[in-house]
């Protein structure tokens, strides 16, 4: 069973997918749009990826504030998750993604990736991979509907 991980941003969506056994996450791509509100092509691409990889479940990063409260970005991510569910018909799980971009940035430092353009091209897909891997490590074999860290 493959699971898709998404890191929703204002103009990009990082995409990762699990291996067929649901053990590891791999970065796939970054979907870029021109404006935050223009989601039609983004949702269409997510649908294509779901069919290509035979995805059965989707994990979307939920950027909670450090005090566990949802802010504006979390509300937008939740609405995005609802749109993804409507588009794909697949179960969507919202997963706490705090500090994943920081972790992705550290990974790029370790990989010695320099230059703003080079980093920007991959940081969202690495963050999506981290979100998905955390969910797999904590809940991979279990049915999860909560927005929580295991």
N, C-alpha and C. Protein backbone atom coordinates (compact mmCIF):
# COMPACT_ATOMS: atom_id res chain seq x y z
N UNK A 1 0.85 -1.18 0.00
CA UNK A 1 0.00 0.00 0.00
C UNK A 1 0.89 1.24 0.00
N UNK A 2 0.78 2.05 -1.01
CA UNK A 2 1.57 3.28 -1.09
C UNK A 2 0.80 4.44 -0.46
N UNK A 3 1.56 5.32 0.18
CA UNK A 3 0.98 6.48 0.84
C UNK A 3 1.69 7.71 0.31
N UNK A 4 0.94 8.76 0.05
CA UNK A 4 1.47 10.00 -0.47
C UNK A 4 1.65 10.98 0.68
N UNK A 5 2.74 11.72 0.68
CA UNK A 5 2.98 12.78 1.66
C UNK A 5 3.03 14.11 0.94
N UNK A 6 2.34 15.11 1.50
CA UNK A 6 2.30 16.43 0.88
C UNK A 6 2.69 17.51 1.88
N UNK A 7 3.56 18.42 1.45
CA UNK A 7 3.93 19.59 2.23
C UNK A 7 3.37 20.79 1.49
N UNK A 8 2.24 21.33 2.00
CA UNK A 8 1.53 22.41 1.34
C UNK A 8 2.14 23.75 1.71
N UNK A 9 2.49 24.54 0.69
CA UNK A 9 3.02 25.88 0.89
C UNK A 9 2.23 26.88 0.07
N UNK A 10 2.57 28.15 0.22
CA UNK A 10 1.79 29.19 -0.44
C UNK A 10 1.84 29.11 -1.96
N UNK A 11 2.96 28.70 -2.55
CA UNK A 11 3.03 28.54 -4.00
C UNK A 11 3.63 27.20 -4.44
N UNK A 12 3.95 26.34 -3.50
CA UNK A 12 4.50 25.03 -3.84
C UNK A 12 3.85 23.94 -2.99
N UNK A 13 3.90 22.73 -3.51
CA UNK A 13 3.51 21.55 -2.75
C UNK A 13 4.60 20.52 -2.95
N UNK A 14 5.28 20.18 -1.84
CA UNK A 14 6.26 19.11 -1.90
C UNK A 14 5.56 17.78 -1.87
N UNK A 15 6.06 16.83 -2.66
CA UNK A 15 5.42 15.53 -2.79
C UNK A 15 6.43 14.43 -2.50
N UNK A 16 6.00 13.47 -1.68
CA UNK A 16 6.79 12.27 -1.40
C UNK A 16 5.85 11.08 -1.45
N UNK A 17 6.40 9.90 -1.66
CA UNK A 17 5.59 8.68 -1.71
C UNK A 17 6.32 7.58 -0.95
N UNK A 18 5.55 6.70 -0.37
CA UNK A 18 6.15 5.58 0.36
C UNK A 18 6.50 4.46 -0.61
N UNK A 19 7.35 3.56 -0.14
CA UNK A 19 7.60 2.33 -0.89
C UNK A 19 6.33 1.47 -0.80
N UNK A 20 6.21 0.41 -1.60
CA UNK A 20 4.99 -0.41 -1.58
C UNK A 20 4.66 -1.03 -0.22
N UNK A 21 5.66 -1.27 0.63
CA UNK A 21 5.40 -1.85 1.94
C UNK A 21 5.02 -0.80 2.99
N UNK A 22 5.13 0.48 2.64
CA UNK A 22 4.80 1.54 3.58
C UNK A 22 5.82 1.71 4.68
N UNK A 23 7.11 1.46 4.36
CA UNK A 23 8.17 1.56 5.35
C UNK A 23 9.01 2.82 5.22
N UNK A 24 9.27 3.23 3.98
CA UNK A 24 10.14 4.39 3.77
C UNK A 24 9.48 5.40 2.83
N UNK A 25 9.87 6.66 2.99
CA UNK A 25 9.36 7.74 2.15
C UNK A 25 10.46 8.23 1.21
N UNK A 26 10.10 8.51 -0.02
CA UNK A 26 11.03 9.06 -0.99
C UNK A 26 10.43 10.33 -1.58
N UNK A 27 11.25 11.37 -1.69
CA UNK A 27 10.83 12.62 -2.33
C UNK A 27 10.54 12.34 -3.80
N UNK A 28 9.48 12.97 -4.32
CA UNK A 28 9.10 12.76 -5.71
C UNK A 28 9.27 14.03 -6.54
N UNK A 29 8.63 15.12 -6.11
CA UNK A 29 8.70 16.36 -6.88
C UNK A 29 8.14 17.52 -6.07
N UNK A 30 8.33 18.71 -6.62
CA UNK A 30 7.72 19.91 -6.07
C UNK A 30 6.80 20.47 -7.13
N UNK A 31 5.53 20.61 -6.78
CA UNK A 31 4.55 21.19 -7.69
C UNK A 31 4.52 22.69 -7.42
N UNK A 32 4.70 23.49 -8.47
CA UNK A 32 4.75 24.93 -8.33
C UNK A 32 3.54 25.54 -9.03
N UNK A 33 2.94 26.55 -8.38
CA UNK A 33 1.85 27.29 -9.00
C UNK A 33 2.17 28.77 -8.92
N UNK A 34 1.48 29.57 -9.73
CA UNK A 34 1.79 31.00 -9.80
C UNK A 34 1.17 31.80 -8.66
N UNK A 35 0.02 31.36 -8.19
CA UNK A 35 -0.63 32.06 -7.07
C UNK A 35 -1.20 31.04 -6.10
N UNK A 36 -1.25 31.43 -4.83
CA UNK A 36 -1.71 30.52 -3.79
C UNK A 36 -3.11 29.99 -4.06
N UNK A 37 -3.98 30.83 -4.58
CA UNK A 37 -5.38 30.44 -4.77
C UNK A 37 -5.61 29.59 -6.02
N UNK A 38 -4.62 29.44 -6.86
CA UNK A 38 -4.76 28.68 -8.11
C UNK A 38 -4.37 27.22 -7.88
N UNK A 39 -5.34 26.40 -7.51
CA UNK A 39 -5.04 25.02 -7.12
C UNK A 39 -5.50 23.96 -8.13
N UNK A 40 -6.20 24.35 -9.18
CA UNK A 40 -6.76 23.36 -10.10
C UNK A 40 -5.69 22.45 -10.69
N UNK A 41 -4.61 23.03 -11.23
CA UNK A 41 -3.55 22.21 -11.83
C UNK A 41 -2.78 21.43 -10.77
N UNK A 42 -2.62 22.02 -9.59
CA UNK A 42 -1.94 21.31 -8.49
C UNK A 42 -2.73 20.07 -8.11
N UNK A 43 -4.04 20.22 -7.95
CA UNK A 43 -4.89 19.08 -7.59
C UNK A 43 -4.91 18.03 -8.70
N UNK A 44 -4.90 18.49 -9.95
CA UNK A 44 -4.87 17.54 -11.08
C UNK A 44 -3.57 16.74 -11.05
N UNK A 45 -2.44 17.41 -10.77
CA UNK A 45 -1.16 16.70 -10.72
C UNK A 45 -1.12 15.71 -9.56
N UNK A 46 -1.67 16.09 -8.43
CA UNK A 46 -1.73 15.16 -7.29
C UNK A 46 -2.56 13.94 -7.66
N UNK A 47 -3.66 14.14 -8.36
CA UNK A 47 -4.47 13.02 -8.83
C UNK A 47 -3.68 12.09 -9.75
N UNK A 48 -2.89 12.69 -10.66
CA UNK A 48 -2.06 11.89 -11.56
C UNK A 48 -1.04 11.06 -10.78
N UNK A 49 -0.41 11.70 -9.80
CA UNK A 49 0.60 11.00 -8.99
C UNK A 49 -0.06 9.85 -8.22
N UNK A 50 -1.24 10.09 -7.68
CA UNK A 50 -1.96 9.04 -6.94
C UNK A 50 -2.24 7.84 -7.84
N UNK A 51 -2.65 8.10 -9.08
CA UNK A 51 -2.91 6.99 -10.00
C UNK A 51 -1.61 6.29 -10.40
N UNK A 52 -0.58 7.09 -10.70
CA UNK A 52 0.70 6.52 -11.12
C UNK A 52 1.30 5.59 -10.07
N UNK A 53 1.23 5.99 -8.81
CA UNK A 53 1.83 5.20 -7.73
C UNK A 53 0.81 4.30 -7.01
N UNK A 54 -0.42 4.31 -7.47
CA UNK A 54 -1.49 3.52 -6.85
C UNK A 54 -1.59 3.80 -5.35
N UNK A 55 -1.68 5.09 -5.04
CA UNK A 55 -1.75 5.57 -3.66
C UNK A 55 -3.10 5.20 -3.05
N UNK A 56 -3.08 4.81 -1.78
CA UNK A 56 -4.30 4.44 -1.08
C UNK A 56 -4.64 5.39 0.06
N UNK A 57 -3.69 6.26 0.42
CA UNK A 57 -3.90 7.17 1.55
C UNK A 57 -2.95 8.36 1.37
N UNK A 58 -3.36 9.52 1.89
CA UNK A 58 -2.56 10.74 1.75
C UNK A 58 -2.34 11.36 3.12
N UNK A 59 -1.10 11.77 3.38
CA UNK A 59 -0.75 12.47 4.62
C UNK A 59 -0.36 13.90 4.23
N UNK A 60 -1.05 14.87 4.80
CA UNK A 60 -0.77 16.28 4.52
C UNK A 60 -0.21 16.91 5.78
N UNK A 61 0.89 17.64 5.63
CA UNK A 61 1.50 18.32 6.77
C UNK A 61 0.60 19.43 7.31
N UNK A 62 0.49 19.48 8.62
CA UNK A 62 -0.31 20.49 9.31
C UNK A 62 0.63 21.37 10.13
N UNK A 63 0.85 22.61 9.69
CA UNK A 63 1.81 23.48 10.37
C UNK A 63 1.22 24.16 11.62
N UNK A 64 1.15 23.41 12.70
CA UNK A 64 0.67 23.97 13.96
C UNK A 64 1.69 24.95 14.53
N UNK A 65 1.22 25.90 15.32
CA UNK A 65 2.12 26.79 16.04
C UNK A 65 2.82 26.00 17.14
N UNK A 66 3.89 26.53 17.67
CA UNK A 66 4.65 25.82 18.70
C UNK A 66 3.83 25.60 19.98
N UNK A 67 2.75 26.36 20.17
CA UNK A 67 1.88 26.18 21.34
C UNK A 67 0.74 25.19 21.06
N UNK A 68 0.85 24.42 19.99
CA UNK A 68 -0.14 23.41 19.57
C UNK A 68 -1.41 24.00 18.97
N UNK A 69 -1.47 25.30 18.80
CA UNK A 69 -2.66 25.94 18.23
C UNK A 69 -2.53 26.04 16.71
N UNK A 70 -3.64 25.83 16.01
CA UNK A 70 -3.59 26.04 14.55
C UNK A 70 -3.65 27.54 14.24
N UNK A 71 -2.83 27.97 13.33
CA UNK A 71 -2.84 29.35 12.88
C UNK A 71 -3.40 29.42 11.47
N UNK A 72 -3.14 30.52 10.81
CA UNK A 72 -3.65 30.74 9.45
C UNK A 72 -3.13 29.69 8.48
N UNK A 73 -1.84 29.35 8.56
CA UNK A 73 -1.27 28.35 7.65
C UNK A 73 -1.89 26.97 7.89
N UNK A 74 -2.16 26.64 9.14
CA UNK A 74 -2.79 25.35 9.44
C UNK A 74 -4.21 25.29 8.87
N UNK A 75 -4.93 26.40 8.96
CA UNK A 75 -6.29 26.44 8.40
C UNK A 75 -6.24 26.26 6.88
N UNK A 76 -5.27 26.90 6.23
CA UNK A 76 -5.14 26.75 4.78
C UNK A 76 -4.75 25.33 4.41
N UNK A 77 -3.86 24.72 5.19
CA UNK A 77 -3.46 23.34 4.92
C UNK A 77 -4.63 22.39 5.10
N UNK A 78 -5.47 22.65 6.10
CA UNK A 78 -6.65 21.81 6.33
C UNK A 78 -7.63 21.92 5.17
N UNK A 79 -7.85 23.13 4.69
CA UNK A 79 -8.73 23.33 3.52
C UNK A 79 -8.16 22.64 2.29
N UNK A 80 -6.84 22.72 2.15
CA UNK A 80 -6.17 22.03 1.04
C UNK A 80 -6.38 20.52 1.16
N UNK A 81 -6.22 19.97 2.36
CA UNK A 81 -6.45 18.55 2.57
C UNK A 81 -7.86 18.13 2.19
N UNK A 82 -8.84 18.98 2.49
CA UNK A 82 -10.23 18.69 2.12
C UNK A 82 -10.38 18.68 0.60
N UNK A 83 -9.72 19.62 -0.08
CA UNK A 83 -9.77 19.66 -1.55
C UNK A 83 -9.11 18.42 -2.16
N UNK A 84 -8.00 18.01 -1.59
CA UNK A 84 -7.31 16.81 -2.07
C UNK A 84 -8.21 15.59 -1.90
N UNK A 85 -8.88 15.49 -0.75
CA UNK A 85 -9.80 14.37 -0.52
C UNK A 85 -10.92 14.37 -1.55
N UNK A 86 -11.51 15.54 -1.79
CA UNK A 86 -12.60 15.63 -2.78
C UNK A 86 -12.12 15.25 -4.17
N UNK A 87 -10.90 15.67 -4.51
CA UNK A 87 -10.36 15.41 -5.85
C UNK A 87 -10.02 13.94 -6.05
N UNK A 88 -9.43 13.32 -5.03
CA UNK A 88 -8.93 11.95 -5.18
C UNK A 88 -9.88 10.89 -4.64
N UNK A 89 -10.73 11.27 -3.69
CA UNK A 89 -11.58 10.29 -3.02
C UNK A 89 -10.84 9.44 -2.00
N UNK A 90 -9.58 9.76 -1.77
CA UNK A 90 -8.75 8.98 -0.84
C UNK A 90 -8.81 9.57 0.56
N UNK A 91 -8.59 8.73 1.58
CA UNK A 91 -8.51 9.26 2.94
C UNK A 91 -7.31 10.21 3.06
N UNK A 92 -7.53 11.33 3.73
CA UNK A 92 -6.48 12.32 3.96
C UNK A 92 -6.28 12.47 5.46
N UNK A 93 -5.04 12.33 5.89
CA UNK A 93 -4.68 12.46 7.30
C UNK A 93 -3.86 13.73 7.46
N UNK A 94 -4.25 14.58 8.38
CA UNK A 94 -3.48 15.79 8.67
C UNK A 94 -2.48 15.43 9.77
N UNK A 95 -1.18 15.73 9.52
CA UNK A 95 -0.12 15.33 10.44
C UNK A 95 0.72 16.54 10.83
N UNK A 96 0.96 16.68 12.11
CA UNK A 96 1.75 17.78 12.65
C UNK A 96 3.11 17.83 11.96
N UNK A 97 3.40 18.95 11.33
CA UNK A 97 4.65 19.06 10.58
C UNK A 97 5.63 20.07 11.17
N UNK A 98 5.44 20.45 12.41
CA UNK A 98 6.33 21.45 12.99
C UNK A 98 7.79 21.08 12.81
N UNK A 99 8.54 22.06 12.40
CA UNK A 99 10.01 21.99 12.26
C UNK A 99 10.49 21.10 11.11
N UNK A 100 9.60 20.63 10.24
CA UNK A 100 10.08 19.80 9.13
C UNK A 100 10.89 20.60 8.13
N UNK A 101 10.54 21.87 7.90
CA UNK A 101 11.33 22.67 6.98
C UNK A 101 12.72 22.93 7.56
N UNK A 102 12.80 23.12 8.87
CA UNK A 102 14.10 23.27 9.52
C UNK A 102 14.92 22.00 9.34
N UNK A 103 14.29 20.84 9.54
CA UNK A 103 14.98 19.56 9.36
C UNK A 103 15.42 19.38 7.90
N UNK A 104 14.56 19.77 6.97
CA UNK A 104 14.90 19.66 5.55
C UNK A 104 16.09 20.57 5.22
N UNK A 105 16.11 21.76 5.79
CA UNK A 105 17.22 22.69 5.60
C UNK A 105 18.52 22.09 6.12
N UNK A 106 18.46 21.42 7.26
CA UNK A 106 19.65 20.78 7.83
C UNK A 106 20.14 19.65 6.93
N UNK A 107 19.22 18.90 6.36
CA UNK A 107 19.60 17.83 5.43
C UNK A 107 20.32 18.41 4.22
N UNK A 108 19.81 19.52 3.69
CA UNK A 108 20.47 20.16 2.55
C UNK A 108 21.86 20.67 2.92
N UNK A 109 22.02 21.16 4.16
CA UNK A 109 23.35 21.57 4.63
C UNK A 109 24.29 20.37 4.66
N UNK A 110 23.80 19.25 5.18
CA UNK A 110 24.62 18.03 5.26
C UNK A 110 25.00 17.53 3.87
N UNK A 111 24.09 17.73 2.91
CA UNK A 111 24.35 17.30 1.53
C UNK A 111 25.19 18.33 0.77
N UNK A 112 25.51 19.44 1.44
CA UNK A 112 26.31 20.51 0.85
C UNK A 112 25.63 21.14 -0.36
N UNK A 113 24.30 21.24 -0.32
CA UNK A 113 23.55 21.90 -1.40
C UNK A 113 23.59 23.40 -1.13
N UNK A 114 24.18 24.12 -2.05
CA UNK A 114 24.36 25.56 -1.90
C UNK A 114 23.52 26.30 -2.93
N UNK A 115 23.27 27.54 -2.65
CA UNK A 115 22.54 28.39 -3.58
C UNK A 115 21.05 28.35 -3.33
N UNK A 116 20.47 29.52 -3.23
CA UNK A 116 19.04 29.63 -2.93
C UNK A 116 18.17 28.87 -3.93
N UNK A 117 18.50 29.00 -5.21
CA UNK A 117 17.70 28.33 -6.25
C UNK A 117 17.76 26.82 -6.12
N UNK A 118 18.96 26.28 -5.90
CA UNK A 118 19.12 24.83 -5.75
C UNK A 118 18.35 24.30 -4.55
N UNK A 119 18.42 25.02 -3.44
CA UNK A 119 17.74 24.59 -2.21
C UNK A 119 16.23 24.69 -2.37
N UNK A 120 15.77 25.79 -2.95
CA UNK A 120 14.33 26.01 -3.12
C UNK A 120 13.69 24.92 -3.97
N UNK A 121 14.44 24.42 -4.94
CA UNK A 121 13.91 23.41 -5.85
C UNK A 121 13.58 22.09 -5.16
N UNK A 122 14.26 21.79 -4.04
CA UNK A 122 14.07 20.48 -3.41
C UNK A 122 13.59 20.51 -1.96
N UNK A 123 13.63 21.65 -1.31
CA UNK A 123 13.34 21.69 0.13
C UNK A 123 11.92 21.21 0.45
N UNK A 124 10.95 21.56 -0.40
CA UNK A 124 9.56 21.17 -0.12
C UNK A 124 9.36 19.66 -0.27
N UNK A 125 10.02 19.06 -1.26
CA UNK A 125 9.86 17.61 -1.40
C UNK A 125 10.58 16.87 -0.29
N UNK A 126 11.70 17.41 0.19
CA UNK A 126 12.37 16.79 1.35
C UNK A 126 11.48 16.92 2.58
N UNK A 127 10.87 18.09 2.77
CA UNK A 127 9.94 18.28 3.90
C UNK A 127 8.77 17.31 3.79
N UNK A 128 8.25 17.10 2.58
CA UNK A 128 7.16 16.13 2.39
C UNK A 128 7.62 14.73 2.77
N UNK A 129 8.86 14.40 2.41
CA UNK A 129 9.41 13.09 2.79
C UNK A 129 9.54 12.94 4.29
N UNK A 130 9.93 14.01 4.98
CA UNK A 130 10.04 13.96 6.44
C UNK A 130 8.67 13.79 7.08
N UNK A 131 7.69 14.54 6.59
CA UNK A 131 6.32 14.43 7.11
C UNK A 131 5.83 12.99 6.95
N UNK A 132 5.98 12.46 5.74
CA UNK A 132 5.50 11.10 5.47
C UNK A 132 6.28 10.08 6.30
N UNK A 133 7.59 10.22 6.39
CA UNK A 133 8.38 9.25 7.16
C UNK A 133 7.99 9.27 8.63
N UNK A 134 7.76 10.46 9.20
CA UNK A 134 7.33 10.54 10.59
C UNK A 134 5.99 9.83 10.78
N UNK A 135 5.07 10.02 9.84
CA UNK A 135 3.77 9.34 9.95
C UNK A 135 3.97 7.83 9.83
N UNK A 136 4.77 7.38 8.87
CA UNK A 136 5.02 5.95 8.71
C UNK A 136 5.63 5.36 9.97
N UNK A 137 6.60 6.06 10.56
CA UNK A 137 7.27 5.56 11.76
C UNK A 137 6.33 5.49 12.96
N UNK A 138 5.37 6.40 13.02
CA UNK A 138 4.48 6.47 14.17
C UNK A 138 3.16 5.75 13.98
N UNK A 139 2.65 5.73 12.77
CA UNK A 139 1.29 5.22 12.57
C UNK A 139 1.14 4.36 11.33
N UNK A 140 2.19 4.08 10.63
CA UNK A 140 2.13 3.43 9.33
C UNK A 140 1.18 2.27 9.19
N UNK A 141 1.16 1.36 10.13
CA UNK A 141 0.30 0.20 10.02
C UNK A 141 -1.05 0.36 10.68
N UNK A 142 -1.29 1.50 11.29
CA UNK A 142 -2.52 1.71 12.04
C UNK A 142 -3.44 2.66 11.29
N UNK A 143 -4.72 2.52 11.51
CA UNK A 143 -5.67 3.49 10.98
C UNK A 143 -5.60 4.72 11.85
N UNK A 144 -5.36 5.87 11.24
CA UNK A 144 -5.21 7.10 11.99
C UNK A 144 -6.10 8.17 11.40
N UNK A 145 -6.86 8.83 12.24
CA UNK A 145 -7.67 9.94 11.78
C UNK A 145 -7.34 11.20 12.52
N UNK A 146 -6.55 11.09 13.58
CA UNK A 146 -6.22 12.24 14.40
C UNK A 146 -5.10 13.06 13.80
N UNK A 147 -5.09 14.34 14.14
CA UNK A 147 -3.99 15.21 13.78
C UNK A 147 -3.09 15.23 15.00
N UNK A 148 -2.10 14.36 14.97
CA UNK A 148 -1.28 14.22 16.16
C UNK A 148 0.02 13.53 15.80
N UNK A 149 0.99 13.69 16.64
CA UNK A 149 2.20 12.87 16.54
C UNK A 149 1.97 11.68 17.44
N UNK A 150 2.24 10.48 16.92
CA UNK A 150 2.05 9.23 17.64
C UNK A 150 2.26 9.33 19.04
